[in-house]
Amino acid sequence: MGCSRGSFDVVVSNPPYIRRDVIPELAAEVRTFDPALALDGGEDGLDAVRSILAAAPGYLRTGGWLALEVGFDQTEAVLEMAAAGGWREISRRTDLGGNYRVVSARRPER
């Protein structure tokens, strides 16, 4: 069963967002348990985020929302990318440790 374009109210993603050079430094249980594909976000950790920000508007209904988990040190960059892409009502949320870890935004106008 495929998804049709423009059919979702919300898209939520926990994409790979770890910088490639940091992966060897992760805890052993993370490095060995999680597939590399689930961790490796590219040179700056934001490859998947860029792709999702570009593609998600096509899958969201008018007024739809996107929420992305991001690295604790990536929030500002993702906020800037979302703004540059025309996303609206962009905000960030903290995790239980008080770190900004989720960026949410409303679908840009077409």
Protein backbone atom coordinates (compact mmCIF):
# COMPACT_ATOMS: atom_id res chain seq x y z
CA MET A 1 0.00 0.00 0.00
CA GLY A 2 1.63 3.26 -1.13
CA CYS A 3 1.03 6.73 0.12
CA SER A 4 -0.59 9.32 -2.08
CA ARG A 5 0.86 12.77 -2.36
CA GLY A 6 -0.83 15.47 -0.32
CA SER A 7 -2.68 13.01 1.88
CA PHE A 8 -1.17 13.44 5.36
CA ASP A 9 -1.95 15.88 8.16
CA VAL A 10 1.29 15.13 10.01
CA VAL A 11 4.68 13.69 9.09
CA VAL A 12 6.97 12.74 11.99
CA SER A 13 10.53 11.60 11.47
CA ASN A 14 13.49 10.48 13.50
CA PRO A 15 15.98 10.60 10.61
CA PRO A 16 19.66 9.72 10.80
CA TYR A 17 21.27 12.91 12.15
CA ILE A 18 24.64 11.85 13.57
CA ARG A 19 27.65 13.41 11.86
CA ARG A 20 29.61 10.70 10.09
CA ASP A 21 32.85 11.51 11.94
CA VAL A 22 31.15 11.14 15.34
CA ILE A 23 29.76 7.63 14.77
CA PRO A 24 32.98 5.85 15.92
CA GLU A 25 32.73 7.78 19.22
CA LEU A 26 29.17 6.65 20.03
CA ALA A 27 28.54 4.22 22.85
CA ALA A 28 29.25 0.63 21.80
CA GLU A 29 25.61 -0.42 22.29
CA VAL A 30 24.52 2.27 19.84
CA ARG A 31 27.25 1.61 17.25
CA THR A 32 26.69 -2.14 17.26
CA PHE A 33 22.90 -2.29 17.72
CA ASP A 34 21.66 0.46 15.38
CA PRO A 35 22.26 0.00 11.66
CA ALA A 36 24.71 2.52 10.18
CA LEU A 37 21.95 3.70 7.86
CA ALA A 38 19.88 4.74 10.90
CA LEU A 39 22.75 6.80 12.34
CA ASP A 40 24.76 8.31 9.49
CA GLY A 41 23.44 11.77 8.63
CA GLY A 42 26.36 12.64 6.36
CA GLU A 43 29.22 15.06 6.86
CA ASP A 44 27.19 17.58 8.92
CA GLY A 45 24.48 15.16 10.06
CA LEU A 46 21.77 16.96 8.11
CA ASP A 47 21.59 15.11 4.78
CA ALA A 48 18.30 13.36 5.59
CA VAL A 49 16.84 16.50 7.18
CA ARG A 50 17.49 18.45 3.96
CA SER A 51 15.80 15.75 1.91
CA ILE A 52 12.79 15.58 4.21
CA LEU A 53 12.33 19.36 4.29
CA ALA A 54 12.36 19.38 0.49
CA ALA A 55 10.04 16.40 -0.05
CA ALA A 56 7.56 16.58 2.85
CA PRO A 57 5.43 19.45 1.46
CA GLY A 58 4.37 17.15 -1.37
CA TYR A 59 2.97 14.62 1.12
CA LEU A 60 1.26 17.05 3.48
CA ARG A 61 -2.23 18.45 3.13
CA THR A 62 -2.67 22.20 3.28
CA GLY A 63 -1.96 23.21 6.88
CA GLY A 64 -0.13 19.94 7.57
CA TRP A 65 2.71 19.63 10.07
CA LEU A 66 6.21 18.20 9.97
CA ALA A 67 8.11 17.23 13.14
CA LEU A 68 11.76 16.16 13.05
CA GLU A 69 14.00 14.86 15.77
CA VAL A 70 17.42 16.49 15.44
CA GLY A 71 20.73 16.47 17.26
CA PHE A 72 21.01 18.73 20.30
CA ASP A 73 23.48 20.94 18.42
CA GLN A 74 21.57 21.07 15.10
CA THR A 75 18.42 22.95 16.02
CA GLU A 76 19.54 26.39 14.82
CA ALA A 77 20.67 25.03 11.45
CA VAL A 78 17.38 23.18 10.96
CA LEU A 79 15.35 26.25 11.95
CA GLU A 80 17.26 28.26 9.33
CA MET A 81 16.77 25.58 6.64
CA ALA A 82 13.05 25.39 7.36
CA ALA A 83 12.69 29.17 7.17
CA ALA A 84 14.64 29.29 3.91
CA GLY A 85 12.31 26.59 2.52
CA GLY A 86 9.21 28.65 3.26
CA TRP A 87 7.97 26.52 6.16
CA ARG A 88 5.61 28.38 8.52
CA GLU A 89 5.06 28.42 12.28
CA ILE A 90 8.49 26.94 12.86
CA SER A 91 9.24 26.03 16.46
CA ARG A 92 11.50 23.87 18.56
CA ARG A 93 10.81 21.69 21.55
CA THR A 94 13.00 20.34 24.32
CA ASP A 95 13.52 16.80 25.48
CA LEU A 96 13.30 15.79 29.14
CA GLY A 97 16.91 16.90 29.61
CA GLY A 98 16.09 20.43 28.47
CA ASN A 99 17.90 20.12 25.12
CA TYR A 100 16.21 21.32 21.95
CA ARG A 101 15.63 18.08 20.02
CA VAL A 102 12.48 18.53 17.89
CA VAL A 103 11.77 21.06 15.18
CA SER A 104 8.21 21.34 13.95
CA ALA A 105 6.80 23.43 11.14
CA ARG A 106 3.69 23.90 9.06
CA ARG A 107 3.71 23.11 5.36
CA PRO A 108 4.86 25.98 3.15
CA GLU A 109 2.46 27.50 0.65
CA ARG A 110 2.83 25.99 -2.78
